[in-house]
Amino acid sequence: MKSLKLKTLLATIALAAGGMASAQDQLLNVSYDVAREFYKDYNQAFVNHYKKTTGKDVKIDQSHGGSSAQARAVNDGLPADVVTFNTTTDIEFLANNGVVGKDWAKQFPHDASPTTSTMLFLVRDGNPKNIKDWKDLTRPDVKVVVVNPKTGGNGRYAYLAAWGSVLENGGTEADAQAFVKDLYKNVPVLGKGGRDATAIFLQRNIGDVLITFESEVVSVEREFGKGKVEAVYPSTSIVAENPVAVVQRTVEKKGSGDLAKAYLDYLYSEEAQEIAAKHALRPRSETVLNKHADVFKPIQQFTVGKYFGSLSEAQKVHFNDGGKFDELYTPGK
């Protein structure tokens, strides 16, 4: 009887150990909408690198959606080991709730943002409406597709890029608010996330121009075929950082902290930076960036800090309930 109990206990311990090993060798990366293709390639490169350097097999799972919606899902219990978002506010939200370390931005180089992007316009082939710069988006004959800034970082950067474009050209805050209000009057429908906005523009054939990340240009061509759209570089746009963080709450339970750190560290490797460039994410590596100067065309860029203090401050002023976005945007008008 004792022998049977001992065998049962040992079997239970073995199963638990097996589950623990499995948990430690498996990661969930919860990410933003338009990073799907990049992380599909990056994950394979990391799995190969990890096997080569440690001899261990690992499995990486992905979840994609609007950045802010994803942050709320993680906060509510989605067991992400790492988050890879497109706005710092979404990670700060998790840090303020004890899900991510308070010092997350100091755990990796470049304030834990291994890549950047900027906001461009996608227009239909041949640019039939002759859209060249921000001011064209307020013309009465132009319909604009953009992400809801309350649900996705793509939308927040588009909004801030539009607002900042006025200030970059010597306009006042009142001028910027009036311009952005006019722009959103031309928005027939708001996308939930970047990929949803692309589907509205290309699959539902709504709108004349889509404001989106530079990286989405490559994804669109890959998914829908070349010759459907053209990229338009406005005279000025915003620097959009893509921050990453280890989810302390999850890795402490699973024991996957070392793997999670290794996964995010590798984003700064030359191989990963090359993959980023391939997907039109602007690499931090100057060597890789210079090598792909044909992809990353010069554009005058301003930082969030120049006009908005920080994304957190912009969130309070513009995007929280009752903020400026709610004041200037009326659905269906």
C-alpha atoms as a PDB file:
ATOM      1  CA  MET A   1       0.000   0.000   0.000  1.00  0.00           C
ATOM      2  CA  LYS A   2       2.812   2.387   0.935  1.00  0.00           C
ATOM      3  CA  SER A   3       4.587   1.442  -2.263  1.00  0.00           C
ATOM      4  CA  LEU A   4       1.486   2.303  -4.305  1.00  0.00           C
ATOM      5  CA  LYS A   5       1.061   5.625  -2.520  1.00  0.00           C
ATOM      6  CA  LEU A   6       4.739   6.431  -3.071  1.00  0.00           C
ATOM      7  CA  LYS A   7       4.467   5.575  -6.752  1.00  0.00           C
ATOM      8  CA  THR A   8       1.376   7.768  -7.070  1.00  0.00           C
ATOM      9  CA  LEU A   9       3.143  10.645  -5.293  1.00  0.00           C
ATOM     10  CA  LEU A  10       6.228  10.301  -7.498  1.00  0.00           C
ATOM     11  CA  ALA A  11       4.051  10.190 -10.595  1.00  0.00           C
ATOM     12  CA  THR A  12       2.271  13.367  -9.473  1.00  0.00           C
ATOM     13  CA  ILE A  13       5.601  15.115  -8.834  1.00  0.00           C
ATOM     14  CA  ALA A  14       6.860  13.997 -12.249  1.00  0.00           C
ATOM     15  CA  LEU A  15       3.733  15.345 -13.954  1.00  0.00           C
ATOM     16  CA  ALA A  16       4.037  18.624 -12.090  1.00  0.00           C
ATOM     17  CA  ALA A  17       7.713  18.899 -13.000  1.00  0.00           C
ATOM     18  CA  GLY A  18       6.870  18.142 -16.615  1.00  0.00           C
ATOM     19  CA  GLY A  19       4.235  20.861 -16.595  1.00  0.00           C
ATOM     20  CA  MET A  20       6.688  23.280 -15.037  1.00  0.00           C
ATOM     21  CA  ALA A  21       9.328  22.490 -17.654  1.00  0.00           C
ATOM     22  CA  SER A  22       6.736  22.965 -20.356  1.00  0.00           C
ATOM     23  CA  ALA A  23       5.655  26.293 -18.901  1.00  0.00           C
ATOM     24  CA  GLN A  24       9.242  27.486 -18.666  1.00  0.00           C
ATOM     25  CA  ASP A  25       9.879  26.598 -22.334  1.00  0.00           C
ATOM     26  CA  GLN A  26       6.761  28.259 -23.719  1.00  0.00           C
ATOM     27  CA  LEU A  27       6.002  31.957 -24.092  1.00  0.00           C
ATOM     28  CA  LEU A  28       2.940  33.994 -24.977  1.00  0.00           C
ATOM     29  CA  ASN A  29       3.705  37.313 -26.656  1.00  0.00           C
ATOM     30  CA  VAL A  30       0.684  39.611 -26.567  1.00  0.00           C
ATOM     31  CA  SER A  31       1.181  42.213 -29.251  1.00  0.00           C
ATOM     32  CA  TYR A  32      -0.432  44.909 -31.350  1.00  0.00           C
ATOM     33  CA  ASP A  33      -2.416  44.432 -34.518  1.00  0.00           C
ATOM     34  CA  VAL A  34      -0.031  45.115 -37.381  1.00  0.00           C
ATOM     35  CA  ALA A  35       2.988  43.303 -35.917  1.00  0.00           C
ATOM     36  CA  ARG A  36       1.696  39.852 -36.931  1.00  0.00           C
ATOM     37  CA  GLU A  37       4.028  39.249 -39.861  1.00  0.00           C
ATOM     38  CA  PHE A  38       7.098  40.619 -38.109  1.00  0.00           C
ATOM     39  CA  TYR A  39       6.667  38.367 -35.076  1.00  0.00           C
ATOM     40  CA  LYS A  40       5.895  35.358 -37.241  1.00  0.00           C
ATOM     41  CA  ASP A  41       9.376  35.695 -38.771  1.00  0.00           C
ATOM     42  CA  TYR A  42      11.064  36.837 -35.570  1.00  0.00           C
ATOM     43  CA  ASN A  43       9.694  33.951 -33.517  1.00  0.00           C
ATOM     44  CA  GLN A  44      11.155  31.408 -35.919  1.00  0.00           C
ATOM     45  CA  ALA A  45      14.533  33.155 -35.827  1.00  0.00           C
ATOM     46  CA  PHE A  46      14.476  33.244 -32.018  1.00  0.00           C
ATOM     47  CA  VAL A  47      13.482  29.563 -31.731  1.00  0.00           C
ATOM     48  CA  ASN A  48      16.437  28.653 -33.984  1.00  0.00           C
ATOM     49  CA  HIS A  49      18.818  30.936 -32.080  1.00  0.00           C
ATOM     50  CA  TYR A  50      17.717  29.588 -28.690  1.00  0.00           C
ATOM     51  CA  LYS A  51      18.114  25.986 -29.819  1.00  0.00           C
ATOM     52  CA  LYS A  52      21.567  26.723 -31.212  1.00  0.00           C
ATOM     53  CA  THR A  53      22.811  28.536 -28.105  1.00  0.00           C
ATOM     54  CA  THR A  54      21.127  26.489 -25.340  1.00  0.00           C
ATOM     55  CA  GLY A  55      20.180  23.188 -26.979  1.00  0.00           C
ATOM     56  CA  LYS A  56      16.585  23.709 -25.792  1.00  0.00           C
ATOM     57  CA  ASP A  57      13.368  23.740 -27.796  1.00  0.00           C
ATOM     58  CA  VAL A  58      10.925  26.555 -27.093  1.00  0.00           C
ATOM     59  CA  LYS A  59       7.434  27.366 -28.319  1.00  0.00           C
ATOM     60  CA  ILE A  60       6.229  30.932 -28.875  1.00  0.00           C
ATOM     61  CA  ASP A  61       2.520  31.731 -29.074  1.00  0.00           C
ATOM     62  CA  GLN A  62       1.136  35.045 -30.337  1.00  0.00           C
ATOM     63  CA  SER A  63      -1.942  37.154 -29.661  1.00  0.00           C
ATOM     64  CA  HIS A  64      -2.710  40.271 -31.701  1.00  0.00           C
ATOM     65  CA  GLY A  65      -5.269  43.069 -31.504  1.00  0.00           C
ATOM     66  CA  GLY A  66      -5.562  46.791 -30.843  1.00  0.00           C
ATOM     67  CA  SER A  67      -2.728  47.692 -28.473  1.00  0.00           C
ATOM     68  CA  SER A  68      -4.909  49.150 -25.704  1.00  0.00           C
ATOM     69  CA  ALA A  69      -7.444  46.337 -25.938  1.00  0.00           C
ATOM     70  CA  GLN A  70      -4.570  43.861 -25.600  1.00  0.00           C
ATOM     71  CA  ALA A  71      -3.230  45.698 -22.543  1.00  0.00           C
ATOM     72  CA  ARG A  72      -6.638  45.492 -20.891  1.00  0.00           C
ATOM     73  CA  ALA A  73      -6.844  41.766 -21.670  1.00  0.00           C
ATOM     74  CA  VAL A  74      -3.450  41.171 -20.028  1.00  0.00           C
ATOM     75  CA  ASN A  75      -4.473  43.262 -17.042  1.00  0.00           C
ATOM     76  CA  ASP A  76      -7.634  41.178 -16.734  1.00  0.00           C
ATOM     77  CA  GLY A  77      -5.710  37.909 -16.687  1.00  0.00           C
ATOM     78  CA  LEU A  78      -4.507  36.941 -20.184  1.00  0.00           C
ATOM     79  CA  PRO A  79      -1.271  35.129 -19.205  1.00  0.00           C
ATOM     80  CA  ALA A  80       1.241  36.960 -21.404  1.00  0.00           C
ATOM     81  CA  ASP A  81       4.918  36.360 -20.619  1.00  0.00           C
ATOM     82  CA  VAL A  82       5.890  39.414 -22.662  1.00  0.00           C
ATOM     83  CA  VAL A  83       4.028  42.330 -24.179  1.00  0.00           C
ATOM     84  CA  THR A  84       5.190  44.065 -27.359  1.00  0.00           C
ATOM     85  CA  PHE A  85       3.045  47.144 -27.920  1.00  0.00           C
ATOM     86  CA  ASN A  86       3.141  50.314 -29.991  1.00  0.00           C
ATOM     87  CA  THR A  87       2.604  52.871 -27.236  1.00  0.00           C
ATOM     88  CA  THR A  88       4.291  53.286 -23.872  1.00  0.00           C
ATOM     89  CA  THR A  89       0.980  54.177 -22.206  1.00  0.00           C
ATOM     90  CA  ASP A  90      -0.269  50.618 -22.637  1.00  0.00           C
ATOM     91  CA  ILE A  91       2.757  49.239 -20.776  1.00  0.00           C
ATOM     92  CA  GLU A  92       2.596  52.001 -18.161  1.00  0.00           C
ATOM     93  CA  PHE A  93      -1.033  51.013 -17.553  1.00  0.00           C
ATOM     94  CA  LEU A  94       0.157  47.473 -16.742  1.00  0.00           C
ATOM     95  CA  ALA A  95       3.056  48.772 -14.629  1.00  0.00           C
ATOM     96  CA  ASN A  96       0.695  50.967 -12.591  1.00  0.00           C
ATOM     97  CA  ASN A  97      -1.405  47.886 -11.861  1.00  0.00           C
ATOM     98  CA  GLY A  98       1.562  45.780 -10.763  1.00  0.00           C
ATOM     99  CA  VAL A  99       1.446  43.478 -13.805  1.00  0.00           C
ATOM    100  CA  VAL A 100       4.731  44.760 -15.294  1.00  0.00           C
ATOM    101  CA  GLY A 101       7.771  46.030 -13.385  1.00  0.00           C
ATOM    102  CA  LYS A 102       7.798  49.769 -12.616  1.00  0.00           C
ATOM    103  CA  ASP A 103      11.297  49.980 -14.125  1.00  0.00           C
ATOM    104  CA  TRP A 104      10.294  48.224 -17.368  1.00  0.00           C
ATOM    105  CA  ALA A 105      11.683  51.014 -19.576  1.00  0.00           C
ATOM    106  CA  LYS A 106      15.151  50.594 -18.040  1.00  0.00           C
ATOM    107  CA  GLN A 107      15.301  46.814 -18.478  1.00  0.00           C
ATOM    108  CA  PHE A 108      16.227  47.000 -22.189  1.00  0.00           C
ATOM    109  CA  PRO A 109      18.084  49.514 -24.406  1.00  0.00           C
ATOM    110  CA  HIS A 110      16.482  52.598 -25.998  1.00  0.00           C
ATOM    111  CA  ASP A 111      13.847  52.833 -23.252  1.00  0.00           C
ATOM    112  CA  ALA A 112      12.827  49.253 -24.047  1.00  0.00           C
ATOM    113  CA  SER A 113      11.855  50.148 -27.633  1.00  0.00           C
ATOM    114  CA  PRO A 114      13.887  48.010 -30.068  1.00  0.00           C
ATOM    115  CA  THR A 115      12.205  49.514 -33.157  1.00  0.00           C
ATOM    116  CA  THR A 116      10.312  52.623 -34.193  1.00  0.00           C
ATOM    117  CA  SER A 117       7.865  53.537 -36.927  1.00  0.00           C
ATOM    118  CA  THR A 118       6.087  56.610 -38.221  1.00  0.00           C
ATOM    119  CA  MET A 119       2.674  57.438 -39.640  1.00  0.00           C
ATOM    120  CA  LEU A 120       2.159  57.494 -43.408  1.00  0.00           C
ATOM    121  CA  PHE A 121      -0.808  57.637 -45.768  1.00  0.00           C
ATOM    122  CA  LEU A 122      -1.940  54.723 -47.896  1.00  0.00           C
ATOM    123  CA  VAL A 123      -3.945  55.786 -50.938  1.00  0.00           C
ATOM    124  CA  ARG A 124      -5.495  53.815 -53.754  1.00  0.00           C
ATOM    125  CA  ASP A 125      -3.373  52.988 -56.792  1.00  0.00           C
ATOM    126  CA  GLY A 126      -2.613  56.067 -58.854  1.00  0.00           C
ATOM    127  CA  ASN A 127      -3.546  58.368 -55.946  1.00  0.00           C
ATOM    128  CA  PRO A 128      -6.809  59.434 -57.651  1.00  0.00           C
ATOM    129  CA  LYS A 129      -7.546  62.156 -55.062  1.00  0.00           C
ATOM    130  CA  ASN A 130      -3.983  63.563 -55.348  1.00  0.00           C
ATOM    131  CA  ILE A 131      -3.384  63.380 -51.581  1.00  0.00           C
ATOM    132  CA  LYS A 132       0.064  64.706 -50.689  1.00  0.00           C
ATOM    133  CA  ASP A 133       0.013  66.112 -47.160  1.00  0.00           C
ATOM    134  CA  TRP A 134      -2.011  66.473 -43.974  1.00  0.00           C
ATOM    135  CA  LYS A 135      -4.027  69.456 -45.208  1.00  0.00           C
ATOM    136  CA  ASP A 136      -5.500  67.297 -47.994  1.00  0.00           C
ATOM    137  CA  LEU A 137      -7.201  65.097 -45.392  1.00  0.00           C
ATOM    138  CA  THR A 138      -9.648  67.874 -44.511  1.00  0.00           C
ATOM    139  CA  ARG A 139     -10.849  68.444 -48.081  1.00  0.00           C
ATOM    140  CA  PRO A 140     -14.595  67.802 -48.491  1.00  0.00           C
ATOM    141  CA  ASP A 141     -13.995  65.220 -51.239  1.00  0.00           C
ATOM    142  CA  VAL A 142     -11.661  63.058 -49.105  1.00  0.00           C
ATOM    143  CA  LYS A 143     -12.744  60.254 -46.753  1.00  0.00           C
ATOM    144  CA  VAL A 144     -10.194  59.121 -44.154  1.00  0.00           C
ATOM    145  CA  VAL A 145      -9.889  55.714 -42.470  1.00  0.00           C
ATOM    146  CA  VAL A 146      -8.070  55.648 -39.139  1.00  0.00           C
ATOM    147  CA  VAL A 147      -7.947  53.607 -35.935  1.00  0.00           C
ATOM    148  CA  ASN A 148      -9.964  54.697 -32.906  1.00  0.00           C
ATOM    149  CA  PRO A 149      -7.378  56.358 -30.618  1.00  0.00           C
ATOM    150  CA  LYS A 150      -9.219  54.986 -27.584  1.00  0.00           C
ATOM    151  CA  THR A 151      -8.631  51.364 -28.625  1.00  0.00           C
ATOM    152  CA  GLY A 152      -5.282  51.299 -30.447  1.00  0.00           C
ATOM    153  CA  GLY A 153      -1.876  52.942 -30.407  1.00  0.00           C
ATOM    154  CA  ASN A 154      -2.023  53.213 -34.193  1.00  0.00           C
ATOM    155  CA  GLY A 155      -4.957  55.598 -33.771  1.00  0.00           C
ATOM    156  CA  ARG A 156      -3.293  57.635 -31.030  1.00  0.00           C
ATOM    157  CA  TYR A 157      -0.166  58.175 -33.106  1.00  0.00           C
ATOM    158  CA  ALA A 158      -2.261  59.137 -36.154  1.00  0.00           C
ATOM    159  CA  TYR A 159      -4.152  61.709 -34.069  1.00  0.00           C
ATOM    160  CA  LEU A 160      -0.965  63.124 -32.487  1.00  0.00           C
ATOM    161  CA  ALA A 161       0.817  63.191 -35.854  1.00  0.00           C
ATOM    162  CA  ALA A 162      -2.051  65.219 -37.329  1.00  0.00           C
ATOM    163  CA  TRP A 163      -2.119  67.601 -34.346  1.00  0.00           C
ATOM    164  CA  GLY A 164       1.665  68.001 -34.317  1.00  0.00           C
ATOM    165  CA  SER A 165       1.826  68.621 -38.073  1.00  0.00           C
ATOM    166  CA  VAL A 166       0.024  71.927 -37.502  1.00  0.00           C
ATOM    167  CA  LEU A 167       2.392  72.944 -34.703  1.00  0.00           C
ATOM    168  CA  GLU A 168       5.438  71.955 -36.811  1.00  0.00           C
ATOM    169  CA  ASN A 169       4.281  74.476 -39.411  1.00  0.00           C
ATOM    170  CA  GLY A 170       3.909  77.326 -36.927  1.00  0.00           C
ATOM    171  CA  GLY A 171       0.249  76.853 -36.042  1.00  0.00           C
ATOM    172  CA  THR A 172      -1.236  77.344 -32.579  1.00  0.00           C
ATOM    173  CA  GLU A 173      -2.897  74.774 -30.336  1.00  0.00           C
ATOM    174  CA  ALA A 174      -6.265  76.251 -31.376  1.00  0.00           C
ATOM    175  CA  ASP A 175      -5.296  75.819 -35.041  1.00  0.00           C
ATOM    176  CA  ALA A 176      -4.295  72.209 -34.349  1.00  0.00           C
ATOM    177  CA  GLN A 177      -7.567  71.431 -32.590  1.00  0.00           C
ATOM    178  CA  ALA A 178      -9.621  72.960 -35.423  1.00  0.00           C
ATOM    179  CA  PHE A 179      -7.617  71.024 -38.030  1.00  0.00           C
ATOM    180  CA  VAL A 180      -7.978  67.679 -36.248  1.00  0.00           C
ATOM    181  CA  LYS A 181     -11.698  68.292 -35.751  1.00  0.00           C
ATOM    182  CA  ASP A 182     -12.072  68.871 -39.489  1.00  0.00           C
ATOM    183  CA  LEU A 183     -10.039  65.756 -40.252  1.00  0.00           C
ATOM    184  CA  TYR A 184     -12.244  63.520 -38.090  1.00  0.00           C
ATOM    185  CA  LYS A 185     -15.350  64.936 -39.766  1.00  0.00           C
ATOM    186  CA  ASN A 186     -14.026  63.104 -42.840  1.00  0.00           C
ATOM    187  CA  VAL A 187     -13.748  59.769 -40.993  1.00  0.00           C
ATOM    188  CA  PRO A 188     -16.726  57.550 -41.907  1.00  0.00           C
ATOM    189  CA  VAL A 189     -15.745  54.705 -39.566  1.00  0.00           C
ATOM    190  CA  LEU A 190     -13.054  54.135 -36.932  1.00  0.00           C
ATOM    191  CA  GLY A 191     -11.066  50.895 -36.984  1.00  0.00           C
ATOM    192  CA  LYS A 192     -10.609  48.897 -33.769  1.00  0.00           C
ATOM    193  CA  GLY A 193      -6.925  48.273 -34.556  1.00  0.00           C
ATOM    194  CA  GLY A 194      -4.481  48.707 -37.415  1.00  0.00           C
ATOM    195  CA  ARG A 195      -5.393  45.523 -39.224  1.00  0.00           C
ATOM    196  CA  ASP A 196      -9.118  46.238 -38.841  1.00  0.00           C
ATOM    197  CA  ALA A 197      -8.588  49.695 -40.375  1.00  0.00           C
ATOM    198  CA  THR A 198      -6.722  48.129 -43.303  1.00  0.00           C
ATOM    199  CA  ALA A 199      -9.595  45.688 -43.859  1.00  0.00           C
ATOM    200  CA  ILE A 200     -12.080  48.592 -43.827  1.00  0.00           C
ATOM    201  CA  PHE A 201      -9.996  50.422 -46.418  1.00  0.00           C
ATOM    202  CA  LEU A 202      -9.172  47.516 -48.723  1.00  0.00           C
ATOM    203  CA  GLN A 203     -11.762  44.801 -48.184  1.00  0.00           C
ATOM    204  CA  ARG A 204     -14.790  46.986 -47.542  1.00  0.00           C
ATOM    205  CA  ASN A 205     -13.429  49.577 -49.985  1.00  0.00           C
ATOM    206  CA  ILE A 206     -14.268  52.489 -47.682  1.00  0.00           C
ATOM    207  CA  GLY A 207     -12.343  55.756 -47.797  1.00  0.00           C
ATOM    208  CA  ASP A 208      -9.743  57.444 -49.995  1.00  0.00           C
ATOM    209  CA  VAL A 209      -6.801  57.346 -47.586  1.00  0.00           C
ATOM    210  CA  LEU A 210      -5.716  55.219 -44.640  1.00  0.00           C
ATOM    211  CA  ILE A 211      -3.462  56.737 -41.959  1.00  0.00           C
ATOM    212  CA  THR A 212      -1.315  53.933 -40.611  1.00  0.00           C
ATOM    213  CA  PHE A 213       2.152  52.811 -39.580  1.00  0.00           C
ATOM    214  CA  GLU A 214       4.904  52.732 -42.174  1.00  0.00           C
ATOM    215  CA  SER A 215       5.276  49.020 -41.413  1.00  0.00           C
ATOM    216  CA  GLU A 216       1.717  48.354 -42.571  1.00  0.00           C
ATOM    217  CA  VAL A 217       2.701  49.285 -46.145  1.00  0.00           C
ATOM    218  CA  VAL A 218       4.721  46.073 -46.527  1.00  0.00           C
ATOM    219  CA  SER A 219       1.996  43.980 -44.899  1.00  0.00           C
ATOM    220  CA  VAL A 220      -0.631  45.378 -47.243  1.00  0.00           C
ATOM    221  CA  GLU A 221       1.414  44.572 -50.328  1.00  0.00           C
ATOM    222  CA  ARG A 222       2.092  41.088 -49.041  1.00  0.00           C
ATOM    223  CA  GLU A 223      -1.518  40.334 -48.143  1.00  0.00           C
ATOM    224  CA  PHE A 224      -3.429  42.132 -50.862  1.00  0.00           C
ATOM    225  CA  GLY A 225      -0.873  42.236 -53.670  1.00  0.00           C
ATOM    226  CA  LYS A 226       1.094  45.116 -55.128  1.00  0.00           C
ATOM    227  CA  GLY A 227      -0.704  47.627 -57.299  1.00  0.00           C
ATOM    228  CA  LYS A 228      -3.643  48.145 -54.936  1.00  0.00           C
ATOM    229  CA  VAL A 229      -2.193  51.018 -52.921  1.00  0.00           C
ATOM    230  CA  GLU A 230       0.559  53.617 -52.846  1.00  0.00           C
ATOM    231  CA  ALA A 231       2.391  55.035 -49.848  1.00  0.00           C
ATOM    232  CA  VAL A 232       2.398  58.807 -49.445  1.00  0.00           C
ATOM    233  CA  TYR A 233       5.010  60.401 -47.192  1.00  0.00           C
ATOM    234  CA  PRO A 234       3.619  63.620 -45.676  1.00  0.00           C
ATOM    235  CA  SER A 235       5.954  66.572 -45.110  1.00  0.00           C
ATOM    236  CA  THR A 236       6.185  65.756 -41.408  1.00  0.00           C
ATOM    237  CA  SER A 237       5.173  62.927 -39.082  1.00  0.00           C
ATOM    238  CA  ILE A 238       5.698  61.539 -35.606  1.00  0.00           C
ATOM    239  CA  VAL A 239       8.249  59.136 -34.135  1.00  0.00           C
ATOM    240  CA  ALA A 240       6.322  56.066 -32.942  1.00  0.00           C
ATOM    241  CA  GLU A 241       8.210  53.844 -30.505  1.00  0.00           C
ATOM    242  CA  ASN A 242       7.420  50.141 -30.170  1.00  0.00           C
ATOM    243  CA  PRO A 243       8.012  49.327 -26.473  1.00  0.00           C
ATOM    244  CA  VAL A 244       8.387  45.856 -24.978  1.00  0.00           C
ATOM    245  CA  ALA A 245       8.245  44.444 -21.445  1.00  0.00           C
ATOM    246  CA  VAL A 246       8.395  41.256 -19.416  1.00  0.00           C
ATOM    247  CA  VAL A 247       5.100  40.531 -17.649  1.00  0.00           C
ATOM    248  CA  GLN A 248       6.323  39.955 -14.095  1.00  0.00           C
ATOM    249  CA  ARG A 249       3.013  38.615 -12.843  1.00  0.00           C
ATOM    250  CA  THR A 250       3.094  35.745 -15.343  1.00  0.00           C
ATOM    251  CA  VAL A 251       6.786  34.854 -15.383  1.00  0.00           C
ATOM    252  CA  GLU A 252       6.973  34.693 -11.599  1.00  0.00           C
ATOM    253  CA  LYS A 253       4.167  32.118 -11.593  1.00  0.00           C
ATOM    254  CA  LYS A 254       5.553  30.119 -14.509  1.00  0.00           C
ATOM    255  CA  GLY A 255       9.277  30.457 -13.886  1.00  0.00           C
ATOM    256  CA  SER A 256       9.696  31.743 -17.447  1.00  0.00           C
ATOM    257  CA  GLY A 257      11.532  34.978 -16.591  1.00  0.00           C
ATOM    258  CA  ASP A 258      14.884  34.007 -18.111  1.00  0.00           C
ATOM    259  CA  LEU A 259      13.290  32.906 -21.362  1.00  0.00           C
ATOM    260  CA  ALA A 260      11.152  36.042 -21.531  1.00  0.00           C
ATOM    261  CA  LYS A 261      14.235  38.245 -21.060  1.00  0.00           C
ATOM    262  CA  ALA A 262      16.186  36.287 -23.677  1.00  0.00           C
ATOM    263  CA  TYR A 263      13.273  36.652 -26.099  1.00  0.00           C
ATOM    264  CA  LEU A 264      13.195  40.451 -25.741  1.00  0.00           C
ATOM    265  CA  ASP A 265      17.003  40.809 -25.635  1.00  0.00           C
ATOM    266  CA  TYR A 266      17.249  39.119 -29.031  1.00  0.00           C
ATOM    267  CA  LEU A 267      15.098  41.844 -30.602  1.00  0.00           C
ATOM    268  CA  TYR A 268      18.219  44.033 -30.472  1.00  0.00           C
ATOM    269  CA  SER A 269      20.422  41.530 -32.332  1.00  0.00           C
ATOM    270  CA  GLU A 270      21.538  42.295 -35.874  1.00  0.00           C
ATOM    271  CA  GLU A 271      19.470  39.358 -37.183  1.00  0.00           C
ATOM    272  CA  ALA A 272      16.304  40.614 -35.512  1.00  0.00           C
ATOM    273  CA  GLN A 273      16.964  44.187 -36.638  1.00  0.00           C
ATOM    274  CA  GLU A 274      17.277  42.896 -40.218  1.00  0.00           C
ATOM    275  CA  ILE A 275      13.919  41.128 -39.854  1.00  0.00           C
ATOM    276  CA  ALA A 276      12.443  44.375 -38.529  1.00  0.00           C
ATOM    277  CA  ALA A 277      13.759  46.256 -41.579  1.00  0.00           C
ATOM    278  CA  LYS A 278      12.252  43.610 -43.850  1.00  0.00           C
ATOM    279  CA  HIS A 279       8.874  44.407 -42.304  1.00  0.00           C
ATOM    280  CA  ALA A 280       9.427  48.183 -42.556  1.00  0.00           C
ATOM    281  CA  LEU A 281       9.945  48.652 -38.823  1.00  0.00           C
ATOM    282  CA  ARG A 282      12.724  51.207 -38.399  1.00  0.00           C
ATOM    283  CA  PRO A 283      15.643  49.418 -36.716  1.00  0.00           C
ATOM    284  CA  ARG A 284      17.605  50.968 -33.858  1.00  0.00           C
ATOM    285  CA  SER A 285      20.812  49.586 -35.355  1.00  0.00           C
ATOM    286  CA  GLU A 286      22.359  52.394 -37.419  1.00  0.00           C
ATOM    287  CA  THR A 287      24.144  49.814 -39.568  1.00  0.00           C
ATOM    288  CA  VAL A 288      20.910  48.048 -40.493  1.00  0.00           C
ATOM    289  CA  LEU A 289      19.022  51.338 -40.902  1.00  0.00           C
ATOM    290  CA  ASN A 290      21.622  52.709 -43.328  1.00  0.00           C
ATOM    291  CA  LYS A 291      21.630  49.456 -45.269  1.00  0.00           C
ATOM    292  CA  HIS A 292      17.899  49.882 -45.943  1.00  0.00           C
ATOM    293  CA  ALA A 293      17.826  53.582 -46.789  1.00  0.00           C
ATOM    294  CA  ASP A 294      15.709  52.759 -49.855  1.00  0.00           C
ATOM    295  CA  VAL A 295      12.903  51.493 -47.590  1.00  0.00           C
ATOM    296  CA  PHE A 296      13.129  54.150 -44.893  1.00  0.00           C
ATOM    297  CA  LYS A 297      12.740  57.308 -46.914  1.00  0.00           C
ATOM    298  CA  PRO A 298      13.731  60.538 -45.198  1.00  0.00           C
ATOM    299  CA  ILE A 299      10.859  62.287 -43.470  1.00  0.00           C
ATOM    300  CA  GLN A 300      10.886  65.148 -40.990  1.00  0.00           C
ATOM    301  CA  GLN A 301       9.852  63.598 -37.685  1.00  0.00           C
ATOM    302  CA  PHE A 302       8.994  65.059 -34.301  1.00  0.00           C
ATOM    303  CA  THR A 303       8.829  63.221 -30.994  1.00  0.00           C
ATOM    304  CA  VAL A 304       5.789  62.918 -28.759  1.00  0.00           C
ATOM    305  CA  GLY A 305       7.762  64.814 -26.097  1.00  0.00           C
ATOM    306  CA  LYS A 306       8.179  67.889 -28.309  1.00  0.00           C
ATOM    307  CA  TYR A 307       4.510  68.850 -28.190  1.00  0.00           C
ATOM    308  CA  PHE A 308       2.720  66.521 -25.801  1.00  0.00           C
ATOM    309  CA  GLY A 309       5.133  66.002 -22.888  1.00  0.00           C
ATOM    310  CA  SER A 310       4.725  62.228 -22.970  1.00  0.00           C
ATOM    311  CA  LEU A 311       2.214  59.672 -24.162  1.00  0.00           C
ATOM    312  CA  SER A 312       0.853  59.470 -20.622  1.00  0.00           C
ATOM    313  CA  GLU A 313       0.211  63.206 -20.586  1.00  0.00           C
ATOM    314  CA  ALA A 314      -1.312  63.027 -24.070  1.00  0.00           C
ATOM    315  CA  GLN A 315      -3.552  60.205 -22.850  1.00  0.00           C
ATOM    316  CA  LYS A 316      -4.935  62.358 -20.038  1.00  0.00           C
ATOM    317  CA  VAL A 317      -5.468  65.449 -22.187  1.00  0.00           C
ATOM    318  CA  HIS A 318      -6.659  63.872 -25.428  1.00  0.00           C
ATOM    319  CA  PHE A 319      -7.818  60.272 -25.075  1.00  0.00           C
ATOM    320  CA  ASN A 320      -9.274  59.676 -21.626  1.00  0.00           C
ATOM    321  CA  ASP A 321     -13.056  59.895 -21.373  1.00  0.00           C
ATOM    322  CA  GLY A 322     -14.064  63.546 -21.620  1.00  0.00           C
ATOM    323  CA  GLY A 323     -10.747  64.509 -23.246  1.00  0.00           C
ATOM    324  CA  LYS A 324     -10.178  66.519 -26.404  1.00  0.00           C
ATOM    325  CA  PHE A 325     -10.880  63.591 -28.726  1.00  0.00           C
ATOM    326  CA  ASP A 326     -14.353  63.156 -27.214  1.00  0.00           C
ATOM    327  CA  GLU A 327     -14.896  66.912 -27.622  1.00  0.00           C
ATOM    328  CA  LEU A 328     -13.989  67.054 -31.300  1.00  0.00           C
ATOM    329  CA  TYR A 329     -15.222  63.709 -32.630  1.00  0.00           C
ATOM    330  CA  THR A 330     -18.902  62.887 -33.020  1.00  0.00           C
ATOM    331  CA  PRO A 331     -19.585  59.447 -34.533  1.00  0.00           C
ATOM    332  CA  GLY A 332     -21.512  59.585 -37.792  1.00  0.00           C
ATOM    333  CA  LYS A 333     -20.918  63.298 -38.363  1.00  0.00           C
END
